[in-house]
């Protein structure tokens, strides 16, 4: 029991490089479910694909996302952590801003608030 307590206290608080591992399971799950359900299930199979096939595509996507993450980590190994965090936030903002900015002016926008 003492060795487990010593291990837990020695690894807390996590360093910045260890914190990135805390985010990766959620990002991987979101990415592979989007690829499996949205891209494969709705666009490629047009809703006619089986659930088992979507799960298989999601599993393959998770492996591919992991490989790409390792390759990108190797390529950006010597970059500043603050620069990389800013880069991630700027990419996220550039993806969300057009939707937030153009959504209210779209003809398909709802006239009432969502319930």
Protein backbone atom coordinates (compact mmCIF):
# COMPACT_ATOMS: atom_id res chain seq x y z
CA UNK A 1 0.00 0.00 0.00
CA UNK A 2 2.85 2.37 0.73
CA UNK A 3 4.32 1.99 -2.73
CA UNK A 4 1.00 2.92 -4.35
CA UNK A 5 0.67 6.01 -2.16
CA UNK A 6 4.26 7.02 -2.90
CA UNK A 7 3.65 6.59 -6.64
CA UNK A 8 0.48 8.68 -6.57
CA UNK A 9 2.02 11.48 -4.55
CA UNK A 10 5.16 11.52 -6.72
CA UNK A 11 3.19 11.95 -9.94
CA UNK A 12 0.94 14.77 -8.71
CA UNK A 13 0.63 17.47 -9.93
CA UNK A 14 1.31 16.31 -13.46
CA UNK A 15 3.82 18.14 -15.61
CA UNK A 16 2.68 19.90 -18.83
CA UNK A 17 3.76 16.94 -20.95
CA UNK A 18 1.79 14.57 -18.71
CA UNK A 19 -1.30 16.80 -18.84
CA UNK A 20 -1.57 16.33 -22.59
CA UNK A 21 -2.11 12.61 -21.98
CA UNK A 22 -5.14 13.48 -19.87
CA UNK A 23 -6.84 15.14 -22.87
CA UNK A 24 -6.00 12.56 -25.48
CA UNK A 25 -8.57 9.84 -24.61
CA UNK A 26 -11.46 12.27 -24.95
CA UNK A 27 -10.13 13.76 -28.17
CA UNK A 28 -9.49 10.33 -29.63
CA UNK A 29 -12.98 9.14 -28.69
CA UNK A 30 -14.60 12.25 -30.17
CA UNK A 31 -12.57 11.98 -33.37
CA UNK A 32 -13.09 8.28 -33.99
CA UNK A 33 -16.81 8.44 -33.20
CA UNK A 34 -17.18 11.37 -35.61
CA UNK A 35 -15.35 9.45 -38.31
CA UNK A 36 -17.25 6.20 -37.68
CA UNK A 37 -20.76 7.57 -37.29
CA UNK A 38 -20.83 10.87 -39.13
CA UNK A 39 -18.43 10.40 -42.02
CA UNK A 40 -18.81 6.67 -42.64
CA UNK A 41 -22.34 6.08 -41.38
CA UNK A 42 -24.05 9.16 -42.77
CA UNK A 43 -21.94 10.27 -45.74
CA UNK A 44 -20.34 7.12 -47.17
CA UNK A 45 -22.96 4.47 -46.26
CA UNK A 46 -25.84 6.99 -46.35
CA UNK A 47 -27.42 5.51 -43.21
CA UNK A 48 -27.55 1.96 -44.56
CA UNK A 49 -24.41 0.66 -42.84
CA UNK A 50 -24.60 -1.70 -39.89
CA UNK A 51 -23.67 -0.73 -36.36
CA UNK A 52 -20.93 -3.35 -36.30
CA UNK A 53 -19.35 -1.81 -39.39
CA UNK A 54 -19.47 1.68 -37.82
CA UNK A 55 -17.77 0.34 -34.69
CA UNK A 56 -15.08 -1.31 -36.82
CA UNK A 57 -14.48 1.94 -38.73
CA UNK A 58 -14.27 3.81 -35.39
CA UNK A 59 -11.67 1.34 -34.09
CA UNK A 60 -9.55 1.69 -37.22
CA UNK A 61 -9.90 5.48 -36.98
CA UNK A 62 -8.72 5.39 -33.34
CA UNK A 63 -5.58 3.50 -34.37
CA UNK A 64 -4.95 5.93 -37.24
CA UNK A 65 -5.49 8.95 -34.99
CA UNK A 66 -3.01 7.46 -32.51
CA UNK A 67 -0.40 6.93 -35.21
CA UNK A 68 -0.85 10.48 -36.52
CA UNK A 69 -0.59 11.84 -32.95
CA UNK A 70 2.68 10.00 -32.35
CA UNK A 71 4.11 11.23 -35.66
CA UNK A 72 3.08 14.82 -34.93
CA UNK A 73 4.53 14.60 -31.41
CA UNK A 74 7.81 13.41 -32.89
CA UNK A 75 7.85 16.21 -35.47
CA UNK A 76 7.08 18.96 -32.92
CA UNK A 77 9.23 17.51 -30.15
CA UNK A 78 11.40 20.62 -29.67
CA UNK A 79 8.64 23.25 -29.86
CA UNK A 80 7.64 25.50 -27.01
CA UNK A 81 4.65 24.15 -25.05
CA UNK A 82 2.98 27.58 -24.88
CA UNK A 83 3.28 27.95 -28.65
CA UNK A 84 1.72 24.54 -29.21
CA UNK A 85 -1.16 25.30 -26.83
CA UNK A 86 -1.79 28.58 -28.63
CA UNK A 87 -1.70 26.80 -31.96
CA UNK A 88 -4.28 24.27 -30.79
CA UNK A 89 -6.57 27.02 -29.52
CA UNK A 90 -6.24 29.02 -32.73
CA UNK A 91 -7.15 25.99 -34.84
CA UNK A 92 -10.18 25.33 -32.63
CA UNK A 93 -11.25 28.97 -32.84
CA UNK A 94 -10.84 29.06 -36.62
CA UNK A 95 -13.13 26.03 -36.89
CA UNK A 96 -15.82 27.39 -34.57
CA UNK A 97 -15.92 31.05 -35.55
CA UNK A 98 -17.47 30.64 -39.03
CA UNK A 99 -20.28 28.53 -37.60
CA UNK A 100 -20.95 30.97 -34.78
CA UNK A 101 -20.63 34.01 -37.02
CA UNK A 102 -22.67 32.79 -39.98
CA UNK A 103 -25.23 30.65 -38.16
CA UNK A 104 -27.66 33.40 -37.15
CA UNK A 105 -27.68 34.87 -40.66
CA UNK A 106 -28.40 31.59 -42.38
CA UNK A 107 -31.81 31.03 -43.90
CA UNK A 108 -32.02 27.67 -42.11
CA UNK A 109 -31.53 29.22 -38.66
CA UNK A 110 -34.45 28.58 -36.32
CA UNK A 111 -36.63 31.57 -35.51
CA UNK A 112 -37.12 30.46 -31.90
CA UNK A 113 -34.68 29.43 -29.22
CA UNK A 114 -34.04 25.73 -28.75
CA UNK A 115 -36.21 24.16 -26.03
